[in-house]
């Protein structure tokens, strides 16, 4: 069992590594945040960034770094960030035990 409040799956780490390699910048980090909006009230946002903020949670796995800001951590605690490949497409998903509802596309949620 992990003691990290937010975890990163192996498939997500592999995909992030591929994205960073494609960008050609070894200093890139994967930022996961929660923003207001979306059809269910909140939405997940994923970005590649170079800067770490003072309040960021830092999660490292298989040579990649994921960052989660302090405010987003309130909504993401206990979650796992994963990368799935299905017939409909491939995407990052958040398995969030705090979400009470989510939209069909999986990118927004309610608490």
N, C-alpha and C. Protein backbone atom coordinates (compact mmCIF):
# COMPACT_ATOMS: atom_id res chain seq x y z
N UNK A 1 0.84 -1.19 0.00
CA UNK A 1 0.00 0.00 0.00
C UNK A 1 0.88 1.25 0.00
N UNK A 2 0.54 2.21 -0.83
CA UNK A 2 1.33 3.42 -0.97
C UNK A 2 0.98 4.42 0.12
N UNK A 3 1.97 5.18 0.58
CA UNK A 3 1.72 6.24 1.53
C UNK A 3 1.59 7.58 0.84
N UNK A 4 1.73 7.62 -0.48
CA UNK A 4 1.59 8.85 -1.25
C UNK A 4 0.10 9.15 -1.43
N UNK A 5 -0.34 10.40 -1.18
CA UNK A 5 -1.75 10.72 -1.30
C UNK A 5 -2.33 10.54 -2.70
N UNK A 6 -1.50 10.67 -3.73
CA UNK A 6 -1.91 10.46 -5.11
C UNK A 6 -0.85 9.57 -5.75
N UNK A 7 -1.28 8.54 -6.47
CA UNK A 7 -0.31 7.63 -7.09
C UNK A 7 -0.38 7.72 -8.60
N UNK A 8 0.65 7.20 -9.22
CA UNK A 8 0.80 7.20 -10.67
C UNK A 8 0.99 5.76 -11.10
N UNK A 9 0.17 5.30 -12.04
CA UNK A 9 0.28 3.91 -12.50
C UNK A 9 1.50 3.75 -13.40
N UNK A 10 1.91 2.52 -13.57
CA UNK A 10 3.03 2.23 -14.47
C UNK A 10 2.74 2.63 -15.90
N UNK A 11 1.51 2.39 -16.37
CA UNK A 11 1.18 2.76 -17.75
C UNK A 11 1.17 4.28 -17.93
N UNK A 12 0.74 5.03 -16.90
CA UNK A 12 0.78 6.49 -16.99
C UNK A 12 2.23 6.98 -17.02
N UNK A 13 3.08 6.40 -16.17
CA UNK A 13 4.49 6.79 -16.14
C UNK A 13 5.15 6.53 -17.50
N UNK A 14 4.83 5.40 -18.10
CA UNK A 14 5.40 5.06 -19.41
C UNK A 14 4.96 6.07 -20.47
N UNK A 15 3.68 6.45 -20.46
CA UNK A 15 3.17 7.42 -21.44
C UNK A 15 3.77 8.80 -21.22
N UNK A 16 3.91 9.21 -19.95
CA UNK A 16 4.52 10.51 -19.64
C UNK A 16 5.96 10.54 -20.13
N UNK A 17 6.70 9.45 -19.90
CA UNK A 17 8.09 9.37 -20.37
C UNK A 17 8.15 9.53 -21.88
N UNK A 18 7.22 8.89 -22.60
CA UNK A 18 7.19 9.00 -24.06
C UNK A 18 6.89 10.43 -24.49
N UNK A 19 5.96 11.10 -23.81
CA UNK A 19 5.62 12.48 -24.15
C UNK A 19 6.79 13.43 -23.90
N UNK A 20 7.48 13.23 -22.78
CA UNK A 20 8.65 14.07 -22.46
C UNK A 20 9.77 13.84 -23.47
N UNK A 21 9.97 12.59 -23.88
CA UNK A 21 11.00 12.29 -24.87
C UNK A 21 10.66 12.93 -26.21
N UNK A 22 9.39 12.89 -26.57
CA UNK A 22 8.94 13.50 -27.83
C UNK A 22 9.18 15.01 -27.82
N UNK A 23 8.99 15.64 -26.65
CA UNK A 23 9.23 17.08 -26.52
C UNK A 23 10.73 17.40 -26.49
N UNK A 24 11.55 16.41 -26.17
CA UNK A 24 13.00 16.62 -26.15
C UNK A 24 13.49 17.42 -24.97
N UNK A 25 12.72 17.45 -23.88
CA UNK A 25 13.12 18.22 -22.70
C UNK A 25 13.09 17.30 -21.48
N UNK A 26 14.26 16.90 -20.98
CA UNK A 26 14.31 15.99 -19.83
C UNK A 26 13.84 16.62 -18.52
N UNK A 27 13.66 17.94 -18.49
CA UNK A 27 13.23 18.63 -17.27
C UNK A 27 11.71 18.72 -17.14
N UNK A 28 10.97 18.19 -18.10
CA UNK A 28 9.51 18.28 -18.04
C UNK A 28 8.94 17.41 -16.94
N UNK A 29 7.89 17.94 -16.31
CA UNK A 29 7.16 17.23 -15.27
C UNK A 29 5.68 17.22 -15.67
N UNK A 30 4.94 16.24 -15.20
CA UNK A 30 3.53 16.08 -15.53
C UNK A 30 2.69 16.68 -14.40
N UNK A 31 1.98 17.77 -14.69
CA UNK A 31 1.16 18.42 -13.68
C UNK A 31 -0.29 17.98 -13.82
N UNK A 32 -0.87 17.53 -12.71
CA UNK A 32 -2.29 17.18 -12.63
C UNK A 32 -2.93 18.20 -11.72
N UNK A 33 -4.01 18.83 -12.20
CA UNK A 33 -4.71 19.80 -11.37
C UNK A 33 -6.21 19.66 -11.55
N UNK A 34 -6.93 20.28 -10.63
CA UNK A 34 -8.39 20.29 -10.67
C UNK A 34 -8.81 21.73 -10.86
N UNK A 35 -9.66 21.97 -11.86
CA UNK A 35 -10.18 23.30 -12.14
C UNK A 35 -11.69 23.29 -12.03
N UNK A 36 -12.27 24.43 -11.73
CA UNK A 36 -13.71 24.56 -11.75
C UNK A 36 -14.20 24.51 -13.19
N UNK A 37 -15.38 23.96 -13.38
CA UNK A 37 -15.95 23.87 -14.73
C UNK A 37 -16.20 22.43 -15.11
N UNK A 38 -16.46 22.21 -16.37
CA UNK A 38 -16.80 20.87 -16.82
C UNK A 38 -18.26 20.60 -16.56
N UNK A 39 -18.78 19.57 -17.14
CA UNK A 39 -20.21 19.30 -17.03
C UNK A 39 -20.63 18.77 -15.66
N UNK A 40 -19.67 18.37 -14.82
CA UNK A 40 -20.02 17.86 -13.49
C UNK A 40 -19.56 18.76 -12.36
N UNK A 41 -19.00 19.92 -12.66
CA UNK A 41 -18.59 20.86 -11.60
C UNK A 41 -17.10 21.11 -11.52
N UNK A 42 -16.28 20.06 -11.63
CA UNK A 42 -14.83 20.18 -11.62
C UNK A 42 -14.29 19.40 -12.80
N UNK A 43 -13.10 19.77 -13.26
CA UNK A 43 -12.49 19.00 -14.34
C UNK A 43 -11.00 18.83 -14.08
N UNK A 44 -10.48 17.72 -14.58
CA UNK A 44 -9.05 17.43 -14.46
C UNK A 44 -8.31 18.14 -15.57
N UNK A 45 -7.12 18.60 -15.25
CA UNK A 45 -6.27 19.25 -16.23
C UNK A 45 -4.89 18.59 -16.17
N UNK A 46 -4.34 18.25 -17.33
CA UNK A 46 -3.03 17.60 -17.42
C UNK A 46 -2.13 18.47 -18.29
N UNK A 47 -0.92 18.78 -17.80
CA UNK A 47 0.03 19.60 -18.55
C UNK A 47 1.45 19.12 -18.32
N UNK A 48 2.30 19.36 -19.28
CA UNK A 48 3.74 19.19 -19.10
C UNK A 48 4.32 20.55 -18.75
N UNK A 49 5.05 20.62 -17.65
CA UNK A 49 5.60 21.89 -17.16
C UNK A 49 7.06 21.68 -16.76
N UNK A 50 7.77 22.79 -16.59
CA UNK A 50 9.15 22.71 -16.10
C UNK A 50 9.27 23.20 -14.66
N UNK A 51 8.31 24.00 -14.21
CA UNK A 51 8.41 24.62 -12.90
C UNK A 51 7.63 23.85 -11.83
N UNK A 52 8.27 23.67 -10.68
CA UNK A 52 7.62 23.11 -9.50
C UNK A 52 7.23 24.27 -8.59
N UNK A 53 6.01 24.23 -8.04
CA UNK A 53 5.56 25.25 -7.10
C UNK A 53 5.87 24.81 -5.68
N UNK A 54 5.92 25.77 -4.77
CA UNK A 54 6.27 25.48 -3.37
C UNK A 54 5.33 24.49 -2.71
N UNK A 55 4.03 24.55 -3.06
CA UNK A 55 3.06 23.67 -2.38
C UNK A 55 2.78 22.37 -3.13
N UNK A 56 3.56 22.07 -4.16
CA UNK A 56 3.33 20.87 -4.96
C UNK A 56 3.69 19.59 -4.22
N UNK A 57 2.81 18.60 -4.37
CA UNK A 57 3.14 17.23 -4.00
C UNK A 57 3.95 16.68 -5.18
N UNK A 58 5.07 16.04 -4.90
CA UNK A 58 5.92 15.47 -5.94
C UNK A 58 5.82 13.95 -5.85
N UNK A 59 5.40 13.33 -6.97
CA UNK A 59 5.29 11.88 -7.04
C UNK A 59 6.23 11.42 -8.15
N UNK A 60 7.14 10.52 -7.83
CA UNK A 60 8.07 10.02 -8.84
C UNK A 60 7.85 8.53 -9.05
N UNK A 61 7.87 8.13 -10.31
CA UNK A 61 7.75 6.71 -10.65
C UNK A 61 8.44 6.46 -11.98
N UNK A 62 9.25 5.44 -12.02
CA UNK A 62 9.90 4.99 -13.26
C UNK A 62 10.57 6.12 -14.02
N UNK A 63 11.20 7.06 -13.29
CA UNK A 63 11.96 8.12 -13.92
C UNK A 63 11.17 9.35 -14.34
N UNK A 64 9.88 9.40 -14.05
CA UNK A 64 9.08 10.59 -14.37
C UNK A 64 8.57 11.21 -13.08
N UNK A 65 8.22 12.50 -13.17
CA UNK A 65 7.74 13.25 -12.02
C UNK A 65 6.35 13.79 -12.29
N UNK A 66 5.44 13.55 -11.35
CA UNK A 66 4.10 14.12 -11.41
C UNK A 66 3.98 15.14 -10.29
N UNK A 67 3.37 16.28 -10.59
CA UNK A 67 3.15 17.33 -9.61
C UNK A 67 1.66 17.54 -9.39
N UNK A 68 1.27 17.75 -8.13
CA UNK A 68 -0.11 18.07 -7.79
C UNK A 68 -0.07 19.25 -6.82
N UNK A 69 -0.72 20.36 -7.17
CA UNK A 69 -0.72 21.53 -6.30
C UNK A 69 -1.57 21.27 -5.05
N UNK A 70 -1.33 22.05 -4.01
CA UNK A 70 -1.99 21.85 -2.73
C UNK A 70 -3.51 21.92 -2.78
N UNK A 71 -4.07 22.84 -3.54
CA UNK A 71 -5.52 22.96 -3.64
C UNK A 71 -6.12 21.75 -4.35
N UNK A 72 -5.51 21.32 -5.44
CA UNK A 72 -6.00 20.15 -6.18
C UNK A 72 -5.90 18.89 -5.34
N UNK A 73 -4.90 18.83 -4.47
CA UNK A 73 -4.70 17.66 -3.62
C UNK A 73 -5.91 17.41 -2.71
N UNK A 74 -6.62 18.48 -2.34
CA UNK A 74 -7.83 18.33 -1.53
C UNK A 74 -8.87 17.46 -2.23
N UNK A 75 -8.93 17.56 -3.57
CA UNK A 75 -9.91 16.80 -4.36
C UNK A 75 -9.36 15.47 -4.86
N UNK A 76 -8.03 15.33 -4.87
CA UNK A 76 -7.40 14.16 -5.47
C UNK A 76 -6.83 13.16 -4.47
N UNK A 77 -6.88 13.46 -3.20
CA UNK A 77 -6.29 12.57 -2.21
C UNK A 77 -6.89 11.18 -2.32
N UNK A 78 -6.02 10.17 -2.39
CA UNK A 78 -6.45 8.79 -2.53
C UNK A 78 -6.62 8.33 -3.97
N UNK A 79 -6.37 9.23 -4.92
CA UNK A 79 -6.58 8.92 -6.34
C UNK A 79 -5.36 8.27 -6.98
N UNK A 80 -5.61 7.61 -8.12
CA UNK A 80 -4.54 7.10 -8.96
C UNK A 80 -4.70 7.70 -10.35
N UNK A 81 -3.61 8.22 -10.89
CA UNK A 81 -3.60 8.70 -12.27
C UNK A 81 -3.12 7.54 -13.13
N UNK A 82 -3.92 7.21 -14.14
CA UNK A 82 -3.66 6.06 -15.00
C UNK A 82 -3.71 6.51 -16.45
N UNK A 83 -3.20 5.67 -17.34
CA UNK A 83 -3.32 5.90 -18.78
C UNK A 83 -3.94 4.66 -19.38
N UNK A 84 -5.06 4.84 -20.08
CA UNK A 84 -5.77 3.71 -20.66
C UNK A 84 -5.82 3.84 -22.18
N UNK A 85 -5.76 2.68 -22.83
CA UNK A 85 -5.89 2.62 -24.29
C UNK A 85 -7.07 1.70 -24.59
N UNK A 86 -8.08 2.27 -25.24
CA UNK A 86 -9.28 1.53 -25.58
C UNK A 86 -9.61 1.76 -27.04
N UNK A 87 -10.62 1.07 -27.53
CA UNK A 87 -11.05 1.26 -28.92
C UNK A 87 -11.45 2.71 -29.19
N UNK A 88 -12.07 3.36 -28.21
CA UNK A 88 -12.54 4.74 -28.39
C UNK A 88 -11.39 5.74 -28.35
N UNK A 89 -10.21 5.33 -27.92
CA UNK A 89 -9.07 6.23 -27.85
C UNK A 89 -8.24 5.97 -26.62
N UNK A 90 -7.18 6.73 -26.49
CA UNK A 90 -6.31 6.60 -25.33
C UNK A 90 -6.31 7.92 -24.57
N UNK A 91 -6.21 7.82 -23.23
CA UNK A 91 -6.29 9.03 -22.42
C UNK A 91 -5.80 8.77 -21.01
N UNK A 92 -5.43 9.87 -20.35
CA UNK A 92 -5.15 9.82 -18.93
C UNK A 92 -6.49 9.85 -18.20
N UNK A 93 -6.61 9.03 -17.16
CA UNK A 93 -7.82 9.01 -16.34
C UNK A 93 -7.41 9.08 -14.87
N UNK A 94 -8.30 9.63 -14.08
CA UNK A 94 -8.07 9.71 -12.64
C UNK A 94 -9.09 8.82 -11.96
N UNK A 95 -8.59 7.84 -11.24
CA UNK A 95 -9.45 6.96 -10.45
C UNK A 95 -9.58 7.63 -9.08
N UNK A 96 -10.66 8.39 -8.92
CA UNK A 96 -10.82 9.28 -7.78
C UNK A 96 -11.92 8.79 -6.83
N UNK A 97 -11.54 8.31 -5.64
CA UNK A 97 -12.55 7.82 -4.70
C UNK A 97 -13.40 8.94 -4.10
N UNK A 98 -13.00 10.20 -4.28
CA UNK A 98 -13.73 11.34 -3.74
C UNK A 98 -14.86 11.80 -4.65
N UNK A 99 -14.84 11.37 -5.91
CA UNK A 99 -15.85 11.80 -6.87
C UNK A 99 -17.17 11.09 -6.60
N UNK A 100 -18.23 11.87 -6.47
CA UNK A 100 -19.56 11.29 -6.26
C UNK A 100 -20.31 11.12 -7.57
N UNK A 101 -19.86 11.82 -8.61
CA UNK A 101 -20.46 11.70 -9.94
C UNK A 101 -19.41 12.12 -10.96
N UNK A 102 -19.53 11.61 -12.17
CA UNK A 102 -18.62 12.03 -13.23
C UNK A 102 -19.38 12.05 -14.55
N UNK A 103 -18.81 12.75 -15.52
CA UNK A 103 -19.47 12.82 -16.81
C UNK A 103 -19.08 11.61 -17.65
N UNK A 104 -19.73 11.46 -18.78
CA UNK A 104 -19.46 10.33 -19.65
C UNK A 104 -18.06 10.29 -20.21
N UNK A 105 -17.45 11.46 -20.43
CA UNK A 105 -16.10 11.49 -21.00
C UNK A 105 -15.03 11.24 -19.95
N UNK A 106 -15.40 11.33 -18.67
CA UNK A 106 -14.44 11.03 -17.60
C UNK A 106 -13.50 12.16 -17.25
N UNK A 107 -13.66 13.34 -17.89
CA UNK A 107 -12.74 14.43 -17.59
C UNK A 107 -13.29 15.42 -16.57
N UNK A 108 -14.55 15.25 -16.16
CA UNK A 108 -15.08 16.12 -15.11
C UNK A 108 -15.78 15.29 -14.06
N UNK A 109 -15.93 15.88 -12.86
CA UNK A 109 -16.48 15.13 -11.74
C UNK A 109 -17.12 16.07 -10.74
N UNK A 110 -17.88 15.53 -9.81
CA UNK A 110 -18.47 16.26 -8.70
C UNK A 110 -18.03 15.60 -7.40
N UNK A 111 -17.99 16.40 -6.33
CA UNK A 111 -17.66 15.85 -5.02
C UNK A 111 -18.80 16.13 -4.04
